[in-house]
Amino acid sequence: MNTTLTVEKLEKSMAKLTIEVPANELEQAIQKAYLKNRNRISVPGFRKGKVPRPMIEKMYGPEIFYEDAANLLIPEAYEAALETCTEEIVSSPKIAVITIEAGEAFVFTATVALKPQISLGKYKGVKIEKLDSSVSDEEVDAAIEKEREQNARNVAVEDRAVLDGDMIILDFEGFVDDVPFAGGKAEDYALTIGSGAFIPGFEAQLIGAQLGQELDVTVSFPEDYNAKDLAGKEAVFKCTVKEIKIKELPDLDDEFAGEVSEFDTLAEYRDSIAKELGEEKAQVNREKKEDAVIEAIIADSDIEIPEPMLETQKRQLLDELNQRLAMQGMNFSQYLQFSGMSLDVMQKQMETKADLNIRSRLVLEAVAEAENLTVSAEEAEAEMERLAKLYGMEMDKVKERFGEEENKQVMRDLAVKKAVDFVVEQAKEQ
């Protein structure tokens, strides 16, 4: 499609693109709009779908097809105009039709945000807090104890009453005003005393119960209980303790180490745990250092983000969230309900994240440019191989799906990664 583009720079990194489409292109779009709609238009003396376009335009006015014609033209014309645009556009366009009339050029405007110019602050020698990646014996002990807990077995006891921490098997049925209520009955229910899995006060009343004992447990449902018909009401649960079990941990010896790891001795297993914890802590600290350095650079830089750019980033974050939720079989409303978060709080958090994402990207791109951090063909090829493995695709297929713009994005992303490494290496820990 042939288009003529004029760019008018506006305040706050905004621009108005005026796009002109030749009259013959408009005529083709009007004809397509006529063919699309003629079956829905009635004119006396003609069967539907057989009314000539001039007759429809004479009866209803030529503008009857203008809206559909514009909708057909604008997406293609906008994309064609962008191919000749040298500005870096960072938002969706806000479209306004200026002129649409048969026989004349079609003119519309697209108001967009441009990548803002920033005044980059200090990025070399940024001072950050020194983080400790060493691992203590206590941390190793805690990790091993967690593994023991996961490999524990439940052993039945019959010679004592229920104690705090026991896992019991019980039957129960709940009553409110001597009437059983829905969902208040269960058989062979596994409950760990002290877990807080039940209504407050329920588990504590089972402490001291004997095996096979029947007892009444009286509790009150919380005022904010999710079942509104039970909220705030007193209930009596008739319970029978059928089993009492205790958790038996495996001995902490070489045999245990051999069962839970590839090592033959407990000493070797401890060393491996210490090494793994150290690597995890080092990775966490590396990410904390990156965040601290980038936030310091942002704070020392002057950046004015155009509102449409922020809105575009927020929509992108929301789309990504919805995709993740869909993979988990959940929708956005359910997410808000389960997280206990209001829509207002969610929107504010998303705006904060969007703002930080944009500022981080802008300062890192500026650092890459200032330090001439270029990406070699070999580095780009290695990144493509990584993406191929990530998507489970053949390398050739990935290259086929990546167009010129996608390849440029890969190069920009790699340059930004280099910028992150550069500013972190230059940072001074104190």
Protein backbone atom coordinates (compact mmCIF):
# COMPACT_ATOMS: atom_id res chain seq x y z
CA MET A 1 0.00 0.00 0.00
CA ASN A 2 1.22 3.47 -0.89
CA THR A 3 1.14 5.98 1.94
CA THR A 4 2.54 9.42 2.69
CA LEU A 5 3.73 10.04 6.24
CA THR A 6 4.25 13.32 8.07
CA VAL A 7 5.58 13.32 11.65
CA GLU A 8 4.84 16.17 14.03
CA LYS A 9 6.73 16.07 17.33
CA LEU A 10 4.64 17.01 20.38
CA GLU A 11 5.48 17.67 24.02
CA LYS A 12 6.37 14.91 26.50
CA SER A 13 7.78 12.48 23.92
CA MET A 14 4.53 12.33 21.95
CA ALA A 15 4.11 12.59 18.19
CA LYS A 16 1.27 12.91 15.71
CA LEU A 17 1.65 10.83 12.57
CA THR A 18 -0.43 12.11 9.65
CA ILE A 19 -0.94 9.33 7.14
CA GLU A 20 -2.35 9.91 3.67
CA VAL A 21 -3.69 7.10 1.49
CA PRO A 22 -4.26 7.68 -2.27
CA ALA A 23 -7.82 8.08 -3.52
CA ASN A 24 -7.68 4.87 -5.56
CA GLU A 25 -6.84 2.87 -2.39
CA LEU A 26 -9.82 4.45 -0.65
CA GLU A 27 -12.04 3.56 -3.62
CA GLN A 28 -10.97 -0.09 -3.37
CA ALA A 29 -11.77 -0.10 0.36
CA ILE A 30 -15.21 1.46 -0.25
CA GLN A 31 -15.93 -1.21 -2.86
CA LYS A 32 -14.93 -3.93 -0.38
CA ALA A 33 -17.20 -2.35 2.24
CA TYR A 34 -20.07 -2.36 -0.31
CA LEU A 35 -19.52 -6.04 -1.13
CA LYS A 36 -19.39 -6.87 2.57
CA ASN A 37 -22.64 -5.07 3.43
CA ARG A 38 -24.85 -5.27 0.33
CA ASN A 39 -26.72 -8.37 1.55
CA ARG A 40 -27.94 -6.41 4.57
CA ILE A 41 -29.27 -3.37 2.70
CA SER A 42 -32.83 -3.17 1.37
CA VAL A 43 -33.95 -0.93 -1.51
CA PRO A 44 -37.49 -1.16 -2.94
CA GLY A 45 -37.51 -2.92 -6.30
CA PHE A 46 -34.29 -4.84 -5.71
CA ARG A 47 -33.53 -8.19 -4.12
CA LYS A 48 -31.10 -8.13 -1.20
CA GLY A 49 -27.54 -8.39 -2.40
CA LYS A 50 -28.45 -7.18 -5.91
CA VAL A 51 -28.71 -3.45 -5.24
CA PRO A 52 -26.09 -1.52 -7.23
CA ARG A 53 -23.71 0.52 -5.14
CA PRO A 54 -24.67 3.87 -6.80
CA MET A 55 -28.30 3.23 -5.91
CA ILE A 56 -27.43 2.57 -2.24
CA GLU A 57 -25.22 5.66 -2.09
CA LYS A 58 -27.94 7.79 -3.68
CA MET A 59 -30.53 6.58 -1.22
CA TYR A 60 -28.46 6.52 2.00
CA GLY A 61 -25.60 8.87 1.16
CA PRO A 62 -22.07 7.95 0.01
CA GLU A 63 -20.81 7.98 3.59
CA ILE A 64 -22.73 4.77 4.32
CA PHE A 65 -19.61 2.74 3.52
CA TYR A 66 -17.00 5.13 4.91
CA GLU A 67 -16.69 3.67 8.40
CA ASP A 68 -16.11 0.12 7.19
CA ALA A 69 -13.76 1.38 4.50
CA ALA A 70 -11.74 3.28 7.09
CA ASN A 71 -11.59 0.22 9.35
CA LEU A 72 -10.27 -1.80 6.41
CA LEU A 73 -7.65 0.78 5.45
CA ILE A 74 -6.26 2.01 8.75
CA PRO A 75 -4.43 -1.11 10.05
CA GLU A 76 -2.65 -1.78 6.75
CA ALA A 77 -1.94 1.90 6.09
CA TYR A 78 -0.55 2.40 9.60
CA GLU A 79 1.81 -0.58 9.24
CA ALA A 80 2.92 0.62 5.82
CA ALA A 81 3.61 4.11 7.18
CA LEU A 82 5.69 2.69 10.04
CA GLU A 83 8.06 1.11 7.53
CA THR A 84 9.12 4.61 6.48
CA CYS A 85 9.06 6.10 9.99
CA THR A 86 12.47 6.66 11.58
CA GLU A 87 11.06 7.34 15.07
CA GLU A 88 10.94 4.61 17.72
CA ILE A 89 7.28 4.21 18.67
CA VAL A 90 6.58 2.74 22.11
CA SER A 91 2.79 2.76 22.40
CA SER A 92 -0.35 1.78 20.59
CA PRO A 93 -1.72 4.52 18.30
CA LYS A 94 -4.71 6.71 19.03
CA ILE A 95 -6.45 7.04 15.65
CA ALA A 96 -8.48 9.97 14.34
CA VAL A 97 -9.92 10.23 10.81
CA ILE A 98 -9.28 13.63 9.23
CA THR A 99 -10.61 13.29 5.67
CA ILE A 100 -12.63 10.53 4.06
CA GLU A 101 -14.49 11.27 0.85
CA ALA A 102 -14.80 9.27 -2.34
CA GLY A 103 -12.46 10.58 -5.01
CA GLU A 104 -10.16 12.23 -2.46
CA ALA A 105 -7.15 11.01 -0.53
CA PHE A 106 -7.94 9.34 2.79
CA VAL A 107 -6.18 11.09 5.67
CA PHE A 108 -5.98 10.01 9.29
CA THR A 109 -3.71 10.69 12.25
CA ALA A 110 -2.11 8.35 14.76
CA THR A 111 -1.02 9.91 18.04
CA VAL A 112 1.75 7.82 19.58
CA ALA A 113 4.41 7.91 22.28
CA LEU A 114 8.03 7.98 21.19
CA LYS A 115 10.92 6.46 23.08
CA PRO A 116 11.79 9.25 25.53
CA GLN A 117 15.20 10.86 25.66
CA ILE A 118 16.78 10.45 29.09
CA SER A 119 19.52 12.18 30.99
CA LEU A 120 21.61 9.24 32.20
CA GLY A 121 22.96 9.63 35.72
CA LYS A 122 25.98 8.00 37.34
CA TYR A 123 26.28 4.36 36.37
CA LYS A 124 29.95 3.56 37.09
CA GLY A 125 31.04 2.90 40.63
CA VAL A 126 27.53 2.88 42.09
CA LYS A 127 27.73 2.17 45.81
CA ILE A 128 25.66 -0.75 47.09
CA GLU A 129 25.46 -2.82 50.26
CA LYS A 130 27.81 -5.78 50.44
CA LEU A 131 25.91 -9.05 50.67
CA ASP A 132 27.14 -12.21 52.37
CA SER A 133 26.83 -15.46 50.41
CA SER A 134 28.46 -17.69 53.03
CA VAL A 135 26.49 -20.61 54.45
CA SER A 136 26.40 -21.37 58.17
CA ASP A 137 26.31 -24.79 59.80
CA GLU A 138 22.85 -23.90 61.12
CA GLU A 139 21.56 -23.36 57.59
CA VAL A 140 22.97 -26.72 56.49
CA ASP A 141 21.40 -28.39 59.54
CA ALA A 142 18.02 -26.81 58.73
CA ALA A 143 18.15 -28.03 55.12
CA ILE A 144 19.03 -31.57 56.20
CA GLU A 145 16.31 -31.52 58.85
CA LYS A 146 13.80 -30.50 56.20
CA GLU A 147 14.89 -33.49 54.12
CA ARG A 148 14.47 -35.74 57.15
CA GLU A 149 10.95 -34.37 57.64
CA GLN A 150 10.11 -35.15 54.03
CA ASN A 151 11.37 -38.70 54.46
CA ALA A 152 9.69 -39.29 57.81
CA ARG A 153 7.12 -42.04 58.26
CA ASN A 154 4.02 -42.02 60.41
CA VAL A 155 3.97 -44.70 63.08
CA ALA A 156 0.78 -45.67 64.91
CA VAL A 157 0.72 -45.43 68.72
CA GLU A 158 -1.88 -47.07 70.91
CA ASP A 159 -0.65 -46.58 74.47
CA ARG A 160 -1.31 -42.88 75.03
CA ALA A 161 -3.69 -39.98 74.38
CA VAL A 162 -3.42 -37.40 71.59
CA LEU A 163 -0.56 -34.91 71.95
CA ASP A 164 0.17 -31.67 70.16
CA GLY A 165 1.89 -32.45 66.85
CA ASP A 166 0.28 -35.89 66.42
CA MET A 167 -1.36 -36.83 63.15
CA ILE A 168 -4.75 -38.38 63.87
CA ILE A 169 -7.44 -40.09 61.85
CA LEU A 170 -10.94 -39.15 62.96
CA ASP A 171 -14.59 -39.17 62.03
CA PHE A 172 -16.63 -36.08 62.75
CA GLU A 173 -20.02 -34.54 62.13
CA GLY A 174 -20.91 -30.92 62.86
CA PHE A 175 -24.20 -29.56 64.19
CA VAL A 176 -25.57 -26.04 64.57
CA ASP A 177 -28.59 -25.90 66.92
CA ASP A 178 -28.60 -29.72 66.87
CA VAL A 179 -29.03 -29.74 63.09
CA PRO A 180 -26.25 -31.16 60.86
CA PHE A 181 -24.98 -28.74 58.22
CA ALA A 182 -23.67 -29.29 54.70
CA GLY A 183 -19.95 -30.03 54.50
CA GLY A 184 -19.69 -30.66 58.24
CA LYS A 185 -19.21 -34.44 58.08
CA ALA A 186 -16.16 -36.55 57.21
CA GLU A 187 -14.82 -40.05 57.83
CA ASP A 188 -11.17 -41.11 58.12
CA TYR A 189 -10.10 -37.48 58.06
CA ALA A 190 -6.34 -36.94 58.51
CA LEU A 191 -5.51 -34.00 60.79
CA THR A 192 -2.22 -32.86 62.27
CA ILE A 193 -2.82 -31.34 65.69
CA GLY A 194 -1.45 -27.82 65.82
CA SER A 195 -1.49 -27.33 62.06
CA GLY A 196 -4.24 -24.71 62.22
CA ALA A 197 -6.05 -26.45 59.37
CA PHE A 198 -9.38 -26.46 61.23
CA ILE A 199 -11.58 -23.82 62.84
CA PRO A 200 -9.71 -22.05 65.69
CA GLY A 201 -10.06 -24.02 68.92
CA PHE A 202 -10.99 -27.32 67.26
CA GLU A 203 -7.59 -29.02 67.29
CA ALA A 204 -6.69 -27.97 70.85
CA GLN A 205 -9.80 -29.72 72.24
CA LEU A 206 -8.66 -33.02 70.75
CA ILE A 207 -5.46 -33.00 72.80
CA GLY A 208 -5.85 -35.60 75.52
CA ALA A 209 -8.42 -37.66 73.63
CA GLN A 210 -7.94 -41.42 73.87
CA LEU A 211 -7.89 -43.81 70.94
CA GLY A 212 -11.45 -44.76 70.03
CA GLN A 213 -12.89 -42.08 72.31
CA GLU A 214 -16.01 -40.22 71.23
CA LEU A 215 -16.10 -36.57 72.29
CA ASP A 216 -17.87 -33.32 71.52
CA VAL A 217 -15.83 -30.35 70.34
CA THR A 218 -17.55 -26.97 70.61
CA VAL A 219 -16.28 -24.09 68.50
CA SER A 220 -17.57 -20.87 66.95
CA PHE A 221 -17.16 -20.12 63.27
CA PRO A 222 -15.28 -16.86 62.55
CA GLU A 223 -17.41 -13.84 61.71
CA ASP A 224 -15.77 -13.66 58.26
CA TYR A 225 -16.21 -17.38 57.52
CA ASN A 226 -16.71 -17.97 53.78
CA ALA A 227 -19.98 -19.87 54.32
CA LYS A 228 -22.21 -16.95 55.30
CA ASP A 229 -24.90 -19.18 56.84
CA LEU A 230 -22.34 -20.46 59.37
CA ALA A 231 -20.37 -17.25 60.03
CA GLY A 232 -20.30 -16.36 63.72
CA LYS A 233 -22.38 -19.38 64.80
CA GLU A 234 -21.52 -21.91 67.49
CA ALA A 235 -21.17 -25.50 66.31
CA VAL A 236 -20.74 -28.85 68.06
CA PHE A 237 -18.65 -31.51 66.31
CA LYS A 238 -19.16 -35.11 67.41
CA CYS A 239 -15.73 -36.67 66.93
CA THR A 240 -14.21 -40.15 67.17
CA VAL A 241 -10.43 -40.56 67.23
CA LYS A 242 -9.69 -43.70 65.21
CA GLU A 243 -5.91 -43.56 64.93
CA ILE A 244 -3.02 -41.71 66.55
CA LYS A 245 0.24 -41.48 64.65
CA ILE A 246 3.59 -39.89 65.34
CA LYS A 247 6.21 -38.79 62.87
CA GLU A 248 9.35 -40.95 62.99
CA LEU A 249 12.39 -39.31 61.46
CA PRO A 250 15.14 -41.38 59.83
CA ASP A 251 18.45 -41.59 61.67
CA LEU A 252 20.98 -39.00 60.61
CA ASP A 253 23.71 -41.30 59.35
CA ASP A 254 25.49 -42.52 56.22
CA GLU A 255 22.53 -44.77 55.33
CA PHE A 256 20.20 -41.76 55.28
CA ALA A 257 22.65 -39.81 53.10
CA GLY A 258 22.80 -42.70 50.63
CA GLU A 259 19.02 -42.92 50.41
CA VAL A 260 18.38 -39.22 49.74
CA SER A 261 21.43 -38.35 47.64
CA GLU A 262 24.13 -39.70 45.37
CA PHE A 263 26.67 -39.62 48.18
CA ASP A 264 27.81 -42.50 50.37
CA THR A 265 28.56 -40.61 53.56
CA LEU A 266 26.80 -38.01 55.67
CA ALA A 267 29.88 -35.78 55.51
CA GLU A 268 29.81 -35.75 51.71
CA TYR A 269 26.09 -35.07 51.76
CA ARG A 270 26.57 -32.12 54.13
CA ASP A 271 29.25 -30.69 51.86
CA SER A 272 26.96 -30.96 48.84
CA ILE A 273 24.13 -29.24 50.73
CA ALA A 274 26.48 -26.42 51.76
CA LYS A 275 27.65 -25.99 48.16
CA GLU A 276 24.08 -25.96 46.83
CA LEU A 277 22.92 -23.45 49.43
CA GLY A 278 25.92 -21.25 48.66
CA GLU A 279 25.13 -21.26 44.94
CA GLU A 280 21.48 -20.44 45.63
CA LYS A 281 22.42 -17.61 47.98
CA ALA A 282 24.97 -16.25 45.51
CA GLN A 283 22.33 -16.20 42.76
CA VAL A 284 19.82 -14.45 45.02
CA ASN A 285 22.45 -11.90 46.05
CA ARG A 286 23.45 -11.36 42.43
CA GLU A 287 19.82 -10.51 41.61
CA LYS A 288 19.63 -8.20 44.62
CA LYS A 289 22.82 -6.44 43.48
CA GLU A 290 21.40 -5.99 39.98
CA ASP A 291 18.20 -4.51 41.38
CA ALA A 292 20.09 -2.20 43.75
CA VAL A 293 22.46 -0.91 41.06
CA ILE A 294 19.70 -0.33 38.51
CA GLU A 295 17.48 1.43 41.05
CA ALA A 296 20.41 3.69 41.99
CA ILE A 297 21.03 4.57 38.34
CA ILE A 298 17.34 5.28 37.83
CA ALA A 299 17.27 7.54 40.89
CA ASP A 300 20.21 9.55 39.50
CA SER A 301 18.75 9.80 35.97
CA ASP A 302 16.15 12.15 34.55
CA ILE A 303 13.38 10.22 32.80
CA GLU A 304 9.92 11.40 31.76
CA ILE A 305 7.72 8.52 30.67
CA PRO A 306 4.85 9.35 28.31
CA GLU A 307 1.53 8.09 29.66
CA PRO A 308 0.65 5.94 26.59
CA MET A 309 3.98 4.11 26.98
CA LEU A 310 3.09 3.30 30.58
CA GLU A 311 -0.41 2.16 29.59
CA THR A 312 1.04 -0.11 26.89
CA GLN A 313 3.42 -1.72 29.39
CA LYS A 314 0.58 -2.21 31.90
CA ARG A 315 -1.52 -3.97 29.24
CA GLN A 316 1.43 -6.19 28.39
CA LEU A 317 1.89 -7.16 32.03
CA LEU A 318 -1.83 -7.88 32.34
CA ASP A 319 -1.76 -10.04 29.20
CA GLU A 320 1.19 -12.00 30.57
CA LEU A 321 -0.60 -12.50 33.89
CA ASN A 322 -3.75 -13.72 32.16
CA GLN A 323 -1.70 -16.17 30.09
CA ARG A 324 -0.06 -17.59 33.22
CA LEU A 325 -3.43 -17.85 34.96
CA ALA A 326 -4.96 -19.61 31.95
CA MET A 327 -2.16 -22.20 32.07
CA GLN A 328 -3.14 -22.82 35.71
CA GLY A 329 -6.83 -23.08 34.86
CA MET A 330 -7.67 -19.81 36.59
CA ASN A 331 -9.13 -16.48 35.45
CA PHE A 332 -8.38 -12.96 36.65
CA SER A 333 -11.41 -12.73 38.97
CA GLN A 334 -10.47 -15.98 40.68
CA TYR A 335 -6.91 -14.73 41.09
CA LEU A 336 -8.12 -11.61 42.87
CA GLN A 337 -10.38 -13.69 45.10
CA PHE A 338 -7.70 -16.23 46.06
CA SER A 339 -4.99 -13.62 46.56
CA GLY A 340 -7.30 -11.47 48.70
CA MET A 341 -6.25 -8.45 46.65
CA SER A 342 -8.61 -5.71 45.52
CA LEU A 343 -8.69 -4.55 41.91
CA ASP A 344 -7.41 -1.10 42.93
CA VAL A 345 -4.41 -2.54 44.78
CA MET A 346 -3.70 -4.87 41.86
CA GLN A 347 -3.77 -2.00 39.38
CA LYS A 348 -1.46 0.14 41.52
CA GLN A 349 1.02 -2.71 41.85
CA MET A 350 0.93 -3.29 38.10
CA GLU A 351 1.48 0.41 37.40
CA THR A 352 4.46 0.47 39.78
CA LYS A 353 5.96 -2.59 38.09
CA ALA A 354 5.32 -1.18 34.61
CA ASP A 355 6.99 2.10 35.55
CA LEU A 356 10.05 0.31 36.97
CA ASN A 357 10.31 -1.99 33.94
CA ILE A 358 10.33 0.97 31.56
CA ARG A 359 12.85 3.00 33.57
CA SER A 360 15.14 -0.01 33.98
CA ARG A 361 15.09 -0.73 30.27
CA LEU A 362 15.71 2.89 29.31
CA VAL A 363 18.74 3.37 31.58
CA LEU A 364 20.27 0.04 30.54
CA GLU A 365 19.82 0.82 26.86
CA ALA A 366 21.47 4.18 27.52
CA VAL A 367 24.38 2.48 29.28
CA ALA A 368 24.79 0.03 26.38
CA GLU A 369 24.90 2.96 23.96
CA ALA A 370 27.27 5.01 26.12
CA GLU A 371 29.69 2.10 26.50
CA ASN A 372 29.25 0.86 22.92
CA LEU A 373 28.25 -2.59 24.14
CA THR A 374 27.72 -4.39 20.86
CA VAL A 375 26.53 -7.94 20.20
CA SER A 376 28.48 -10.24 17.90
CA ALA A 377 26.94 -12.59 15.36
CA GLU A 378 28.19 -15.53 17.43
CA GLU A 379 26.47 -14.22 20.54
CA ALA A 380 23.22 -13.73 18.63
CA GLU A 381 23.47 -17.26 17.24
CA ALA A 382 24.03 -18.68 20.73
CA GLU A 383 20.96 -16.80 21.97
CA MET A 384 18.88 -18.22 19.12
CA GLU A 385 20.03 -21.72 20.10
CA ARG A 386 19.01 -21.03 23.70
CA LEU A 387 15.57 -19.88 22.56
CA ALA A 388 15.21 -22.95 20.35
CA LYS A 389 15.86 -25.22 23.34
CA LEU A 390 13.54 -23.15 25.52
CA TYR A 391 10.66 -23.48 23.03
CA GLY A 392 11.51 -27.08 22.15
CA MET A 393 11.93 -26.19 18.48
CA GLU A 394 14.50 -26.84 15.79
CA MET A 395 16.91 -23.98 15.20
CA ASP A 396 15.79 -23.60 11.58
CA LYS A 397 12.16 -23.27 12.65
CA VAL A 398 13.01 -20.53 15.14
CA LYS A 399 14.89 -18.60 12.47
CA GLU A 400 11.95 -18.97 10.08
CA ARG A 401 9.55 -17.49 12.66
CA PHE A 402 11.86 -14.62 13.55
CA GLY A 403 11.55 -11.66 11.22
CA GLU A 404 13.76 -8.61 11.01
CA GLU A 405 12.12 -6.88 13.98
CA GLU A 406 12.36 -10.02 16.18
CA ASN A 407 16.07 -10.36 15.34
CA LYS A 408 16.64 -6.72 16.25
CA GLN A 409 14.84 -7.30 19.55
CA VAL A 410 17.14 -10.24 20.34
CA MET A 411 20.16 -8.02 19.69
CA ARG A 412 18.75 -5.25 21.90
CA ASP A 413 17.99 -7.71 24.71
CA LEU A 414 21.53 -9.08 24.61
CA ALA A 415 22.97 -5.57 24.71
CA VAL A 416 20.83 -4.83 27.77
CA LYS A 417 22.13 -8.00 29.47
CA LYS A 418 25.67 -6.82 28.79
CA ALA A 419 24.77 -3.46 30.30
CA VAL A 420 23.52 -5.21 33.46
CA ASP A 421 26.78 -7.15 33.76
CA PHE A 422 28.77 -3.96 33.17
CA VAL A 423 27.10 -1.83 35.85
CA VAL A 424 27.20 -4.65 38.41
CA GLU A 425 30.91 -5.26 37.78
CA GLN A 426 31.54 -1.53 38.14
CA ALA A 427 29.55 -1.28 41.38
CA LYS A 428 31.34 -0.76 44.69
CA GLU A 429 30.18 -2.88 47.61
CA GLN A 430 30.43 -1.31 51.06
